[in-house]
Amino acid sequence: MRTPVKFDSPPVFEVACGVLFASPGPIETVHIGAFWDRVKTQFPSASDAPPLAPLVEQDGNAIPEYAWSDLPPLRRTWMISENGCNLIQVQQDRFLFNWKRTLDQNVYPSYEKVIGDFETYFESFMKFLDDVNVSRPVLRQFDLTYVNFISGSNGLNHVDANNMFVDHVRSTSADRFLPEPERFSWSTSYSLPDGAGRLHVVAQSAVNDSTHEKIVRLDMIARGIPVTSPEGSMRNWFDTAHEWITHGFADATSSVLQTEIWKRTS
């Protein structure tokens, strides 16, 4: 393991830890409601959202999958903490735990805190399935996503988007016909060690839904699974994914922002 990359003021807006699985027995709406009863003290609010389609890392690509069933797709249920910062998402083939910044003063609690909470609630979900006699699912894929919002106050007023990412710098060495881009979107992908998946780096111009401020959104998405023994290696996979996300973030972004704005400490 390399020396961890740490910042005092990272632009992290959201972190999601997830598991894609195949369930031998169907997980029904009544099961989701019963599981919510178990965590309702910590997650007092609930709502529905459309289900997420599986996106599975395969040779060379992330492939969407489609399944046929006599039943309609189970909606994705959101279970929301009182302060809105933590979220459990459950659907027929997916379990996710999210931390999300709800106010500017919310401080990212650290990877160790987020992954620890994810492990706690995922194991609670697995135990719940045992208790209601639904066979434990087969783990198919893990994913770890960091969503970064880079706004005027935490980056764009200091380094413009043309110079924010070291691999995507607009050339000004000659007169240009095209003006400054109004919008942009780019993505790159990298193989994780030992065939364990991929890291996807996705940057795009966007607007913050809450503040309506123009921002740059940078998503660092790791997806995959250990080649052998996924159950016993889940935490190792997430630790490797986190290492690649944080070192990849440092490798891809402006050193000026890292030092002066995000306050890199290691």
Protein backbone atom coordinates (compact mmCIF):
# COMPACT_ATOMS: atom_id res chain seq x y z
CA MET A 1 0.00 0.00 0.00
CA ARG A 2 1.24 3.48 -0.87
CA THR A 3 1.29 6.41 1.54
CA PRO A 4 -2.34 7.59 1.83
CA VAL A 5 -3.39 10.77 0.04
CA LYS A 6 -5.19 13.10 2.45
CA PHE A 7 -6.64 16.63 2.27
CA ASP A 8 -7.95 18.94 4.97
CA SER A 9 -10.59 20.40 2.61
CA PRO A 10 -11.28 17.90 -0.19
CA PRO A 11 -14.04 18.76 -2.70
CA VAL A 12 -15.84 15.49 -1.93
CA PHE A 13 -19.62 15.89 -2.26
CA GLU A 14 -20.73 12.26 -2.06
CA VAL A 15 -19.31 8.77 -1.47
CA ALA A 16 -21.16 5.56 -2.35
CA CYS A 17 -20.18 1.99 -1.44
CA GLY A 18 -22.18 -0.67 -3.23
CA VAL A 19 -22.65 -4.37 -3.90
CA LEU A 20 -24.29 -5.90 -6.96
CA PHE A 21 -25.58 -9.40 -6.27
CA ALA A 22 -27.69 -12.25 -7.62
CA SER A 23 -30.31 -13.57 -5.23
CA PRO A 24 -31.36 -17.26 -5.49
CA GLY A 25 -34.76 -16.32 -4.03
CA PRO A 26 -36.64 -13.13 -4.92
CA ILE A 27 -36.31 -10.15 -2.60
CA GLU A 28 -39.83 -8.76 -2.45
CA THR A 29 -41.31 -5.41 -1.50
CA VAL A 30 -42.43 -6.77 1.85
CA HIS A 31 -38.82 -7.75 2.64
CA ILE A 32 -37.55 -4.24 1.95
CA GLY A 33 -40.21 -2.80 4.26
CA ALA A 34 -39.29 -5.25 7.01
CA PHE A 35 -35.60 -4.40 6.68
CA TRP A 36 -36.43 -0.70 6.95
CA ASP A 37 -38.15 -1.45 10.26
CA ARG A 38 -34.81 -2.77 11.53
CA VAL A 39 -32.90 0.43 10.70
CA LYS A 40 -35.72 2.94 11.07
CA THR A 41 -34.21 4.50 14.19
CA GLN A 42 -31.11 5.53 12.23
CA PHE A 43 -32.95 6.08 8.93
CA PRO A 44 -36.41 7.47 9.78
CA SER A 45 -37.38 8.58 6.26
CA ALA A 46 -37.91 6.45 3.16
CA SER A 47 -38.81 7.06 -0.47
CA ASP A 48 -38.81 5.22 -3.80
CA ALA A 49 -36.61 5.75 -6.83
CA PRO A 50 -36.31 3.97 -10.19
CA PRO A 51 -34.11 0.85 -10.05
CA LEU A 52 -30.52 1.07 -11.20
CA ALA A 53 -29.62 -1.07 -14.20
CA PRO A 54 -26.68 -3.44 -13.64
CA LEU A 55 -23.43 -2.23 -15.21
CA VAL A 56 -20.91 -5.05 -15.10
CA GLU A 57 -17.20 -4.75 -15.83
CA GLN A 58 -16.18 -7.25 -18.51
CA ASP A 59 -13.28 -7.57 -20.93
CA GLY A 60 -12.66 -4.13 -22.33
CA ASN A 61 -15.99 -2.57 -21.35
CA ALA A 62 -18.64 -2.01 -18.70
CA ILE A 63 -21.66 -3.88 -20.08
CA PRO A 64 -25.27 -3.07 -19.12
CA GLU A 65 -27.30 -6.19 -18.34
CA TYR A 66 -31.01 -6.80 -18.82
CA ALA A 67 -33.06 -9.55 -17.16
CA TRP A 68 -36.49 -10.91 -18.09
CA SER A 69 -38.96 -11.71 -15.35
CA ASP A 70 -42.66 -12.30 -14.83
CA LEU A 71 -42.52 -9.66 -12.08
CA PRO A 72 -42.11 -5.91 -12.57
CA PRO A 73 -38.71 -4.57 -11.46
CA LEU A 74 -38.55 -3.84 -7.74
CA ARG A 75 -38.23 -0.14 -7.11
CA ARG A 76 -35.10 1.13 -5.41
CA THR A 77 -35.86 2.14 -1.82
CA TRP A 78 -34.04 5.03 -0.19
CA MET A 79 -33.70 4.95 3.61
CA ILE A 80 -32.53 8.37 4.75
CA SER A 81 -30.93 9.47 8.03
CA GLU A 82 -32.45 12.36 9.97
CA ASN A 83 -29.74 14.83 8.89
CA GLY A 84 -29.88 13.61 5.30
CA CYS A 85 -26.17 12.83 5.16
CA ASN A 86 -26.47 9.04 5.13
CA LEU A 87 -28.52 6.90 2.80
CA ILE A 88 -29.14 3.18 2.37
CA GLN A 89 -30.39 2.07 -1.05
CA VAL A 90 -31.84 -1.39 -1.62
CA GLN A 91 -33.30 -3.03 -4.72
CA GLN A 92 -33.63 -6.58 -6.06
CA ASP A 93 -29.93 -6.89 -6.96
CA ARG A 94 -28.24 -3.99 -5.22
CA PHE A 95 -27.25 -2.66 -1.79
CA LEU A 96 -25.61 0.74 -1.42
CA PHE A 97 -24.58 3.01 1.43
CA ASN A 98 -23.99 6.70 0.72
CA TRP A 99 -22.57 9.66 2.58
CA LYS A 100 -23.62 12.99 1.07
CA ARG A 101 -22.75 16.59 1.90
CA THR A 102 -26.04 18.36 2.66
CA LEU A 103 -24.62 21.69 3.83
CA ASP A 104 -21.39 23.51 3.00
CA GLN A 105 -20.21 23.09 6.59
CA ASN A 106 -20.61 19.30 6.51
CA VAL A 107 -17.17 17.74 6.80
CA TYR A 108 -16.32 14.56 4.89
CA PRO A 109 -16.05 12.02 7.73
CA SER A 110 -13.20 9.93 6.19
CA TYR A 111 -13.11 6.73 4.19
CA GLU A 112 -12.66 4.68 7.35
CA LYS A 113 -15.95 5.99 8.74
CA VAL A 114 -17.92 5.53 5.51
CA ILE A 115 -16.62 2.03 4.76
CA GLY A 116 -17.18 1.01 8.38
CA ASP A 117 -20.82 2.13 8.24
CA PHE A 118 -21.28 0.37 4.91
CA GLU A 119 -19.94 -2.89 6.32
CA THR A 120 -22.16 -2.60 9.39
CA TYR A 121 -25.39 -2.05 7.46
CA PHE A 122 -24.58 -4.52 4.69
CA GLU A 123 -23.95 -7.26 7.25
CA SER A 124 -27.20 -6.26 8.94
CA PHE A 125 -28.94 -6.70 5.59
CA MET A 126 -27.35 -10.13 5.09
CA LYS A 127 -28.44 -11.23 8.57
CA PHE A 128 -31.94 -9.96 7.84
CA LEU A 129 -32.11 -12.15 4.73
CA ASP A 130 -31.08 -15.13 6.85
CA ASP A 131 -33.78 -14.33 9.40
CA VAL A 132 -36.56 -14.16 6.78
CA ASN A 133 -35.33 -17.31 5.02
CA VAL A 134 -34.20 -15.60 1.83
CA SER A 135 -31.02 -17.28 0.64
CA ARG A 136 -27.91 -15.17 0.93
CA PRO A 137 -27.14 -13.61 -2.45
CA VAL A 138 -24.11 -14.33 -4.58
CA LEU A 139 -21.85 -11.28 -4.74
CA ARG A 140 -21.23 -10.24 -8.34
CA GLN A 141 -19.53 -6.85 -8.19
CA PHE A 142 -18.41 -4.13 -5.78
CA ASP A 143 -18.32 -0.42 -6.52
CA LEU A 144 -16.88 2.62 -4.79
CA THR A 145 -17.72 6.08 -6.13
CA TYR A 146 -16.42 9.48 -5.09
CA VAL A 147 -18.32 12.48 -6.47
CA ASN A 148 -16.40 15.77 -6.28
CA PHE A 149 -17.99 19.20 -6.82
CA ILE A 150 -15.43 21.85 -7.75
CA SER A 151 -17.04 25.29 -7.52
CA GLY A 152 -15.78 28.85 -7.57
CA SER A 153 -14.93 28.93 -3.88
CA ASN A 154 -13.06 25.62 -3.82
CA GLY A 155 -11.21 25.72 -7.11
CA LEU A 156 -12.67 27.44 -10.15
CA ASN A 157 -11.79 30.94 -8.94
CA HIS A 158 -8.16 29.87 -8.67
CA VAL A 159 -7.58 27.53 -11.62
CA ASP A 160 -9.92 27.53 -14.60
CA ALA A 161 -11.35 24.29 -15.97
CA ASN A 162 -8.90 24.38 -18.91
CA ASN A 163 -5.99 23.83 -16.52
CA MET A 164 -7.63 21.83 -13.75
CA PHE A 165 -6.82 18.37 -15.10
CA VAL A 166 -3.27 17.60 -16.10
CA ASP A 167 -4.26 15.17 -18.89
CA HIS A 168 -6.79 17.58 -20.44
CA VAL A 169 -5.22 21.02 -20.80
CA ARG A 170 -6.41 23.40 -23.50
CA SER A 171 -3.53 24.48 -25.71
CA THR A 172 -2.93 28.23 -25.93
CA SER A 173 0.36 27.95 -27.83
CA ALA A 174 -1.25 29.32 -31.00
CA ASP A 175 -4.21 31.45 -32.02
CA ARG A 176 -7.37 29.40 -31.68
CA PHE A 177 -10.43 29.50 -33.88
CA LEU A 178 -12.67 27.87 -31.28
CA PRO A 179 -13.52 30.02 -28.25
CA GLU A 180 -13.42 28.82 -24.68
CA PRO A 181 -15.65 25.73 -24.45
CA GLU A 182 -19.11 26.35 -23.09
CA ARG A 183 -19.44 22.79 -21.81
CA PHE A 184 -17.20 19.74 -21.67
CA SER A 185 -17.30 16.06 -20.75
CA TRP A 186 -14.53 13.48 -20.86
CA SER A 187 -13.74 10.12 -19.34
CA THR A 188 -10.80 7.78 -19.03
CA SER A 189 -10.54 4.23 -17.64
CA TYR A 190 -7.72 2.31 -15.99
CA SER A 191 -7.36 -1.38 -15.07
CA LEU A 192 -7.16 -2.19 -11.37
CA PRO A 193 -4.44 -4.65 -10.26
CA ASP A 194 -4.88 -8.42 -10.59
CA GLY A 195 -7.92 -8.19 -12.88
CA ALA A 196 -10.05 -6.78 -10.04
CA GLY A 197 -11.93 -4.27 -12.21
CA ARG A 198 -11.47 -0.72 -13.45
CA LEU A 199 -11.19 2.85 -12.28
CA HIS A 200 -13.24 5.31 -14.33
CA VAL A 201 -12.43 9.04 -14.16
CA VAL A 202 -15.28 11.20 -15.46
CA ALA A 203 -15.14 15.01 -15.55
CA GLN A 204 -17.85 17.31 -16.86
CA SER A 205 -19.24 20.80 -16.56
CA ALA A 206 -22.41 20.82 -14.48
CA VAL A 207 -24.71 22.86 -12.27
CA ASN A 208 -25.19 22.32 -8.55
CA ASP A 209 -28.91 21.54 -8.14
CA SER A 210 -29.01 23.17 -4.70
CA THR A 211 -27.14 26.41 -5.38
CA HIS A 212 -27.60 26.62 -9.19
CA GLU A 213 -23.89 27.44 -9.34
CA LYS A 214 -21.77 26.33 -12.28
CA ILE A 215 -19.32 23.65 -11.18
CA VAL A 216 -16.98 20.99 -12.48
CA ARG A 217 -18.10 17.53 -11.41
CA LEU A 218 -15.37 14.92 -11.12
CA ASP A 219 -16.48 11.32 -10.53
CA MET A 220 -13.95 8.67 -9.52
CA ILE A 221 -15.66 5.29 -9.96
CA ALA A 222 -14.11 1.91 -9.18
CA ARG A 223 -16.06 -1.22 -10.17
CA GLY A 224 -15.08 -4.88 -10.07
CA ILE A 225 -14.56 -7.86 -7.82
CA PRO A 226 -11.63 -10.05 -6.75
CA VAL A 227 -11.00 -12.94 -9.13
CA THR A 228 -11.18 -15.44 -6.25
CA SER A 229 -13.08 -15.49 -2.93
CA PRO A 230 -15.10 -12.26 -3.24
CA GLU A 231 -16.79 -12.72 0.14
CA GLY A 232 -13.50 -13.01 2.02
CA SER A 233 -11.81 -10.23 0.05
CA MET A 234 -14.50 -7.55 0.04
CA ARG A 235 -12.73 -5.14 2.39
CA ASN A 236 -9.41 -5.67 0.59
CA TRP A 237 -11.11 -4.81 -2.70
CA PHE A 238 -12.59 -1.60 -1.28
CA ASP A 239 -9.26 -0.60 0.26
CA THR A 240 -7.54 -1.07 -3.11
CA ALA A 241 -10.32 0.86 -4.86
CA HIS A 242 -9.97 3.71 -2.35
CA GLU A 243 -6.20 3.77 -2.86
CA TRP A 244 -6.65 4.03 -6.64
CA ILE A 245 -9.35 6.67 -6.34
CA THR A 246 -7.35 8.93 -4.02
CA HIS A 247 -4.01 8.49 -5.78
CA GLY A 248 -5.77 8.81 -9.15
CA PHE A 249 -7.42 12.03 -8.00
CA ALA A 250 -4.03 13.42 -6.98
CA ASP A 251 -2.44 12.23 -10.22
CA ALA A 252 -5.12 13.81 -12.43
CA THR A 253 -5.75 17.21 -10.81
CA SER A 254 -3.87 20.49 -10.53
CA SER A 255 -1.10 20.54 -7.91
CA VAL A 256 -1.94 24.20 -7.24
CA LEU A 257 -5.47 23.29 -6.17
CA GLN A 258 -4.20 20.37 -4.11
CA THR A 259 -1.76 22.57 -2.19
CA GLU A 260 -3.53 25.92 -1.92
CA ILE A 261 -7.25 25.09 -1.87
CA TRP A 262 -7.77 21.47 -0.85
CA LYS A 263 -4.86 21.60 1.61
CA ARG A 264 -3.11 18.36 0.87
CA THR A 265 -1.41 17.00 4.00
CA SER A 266 0.11 13.77 2.66
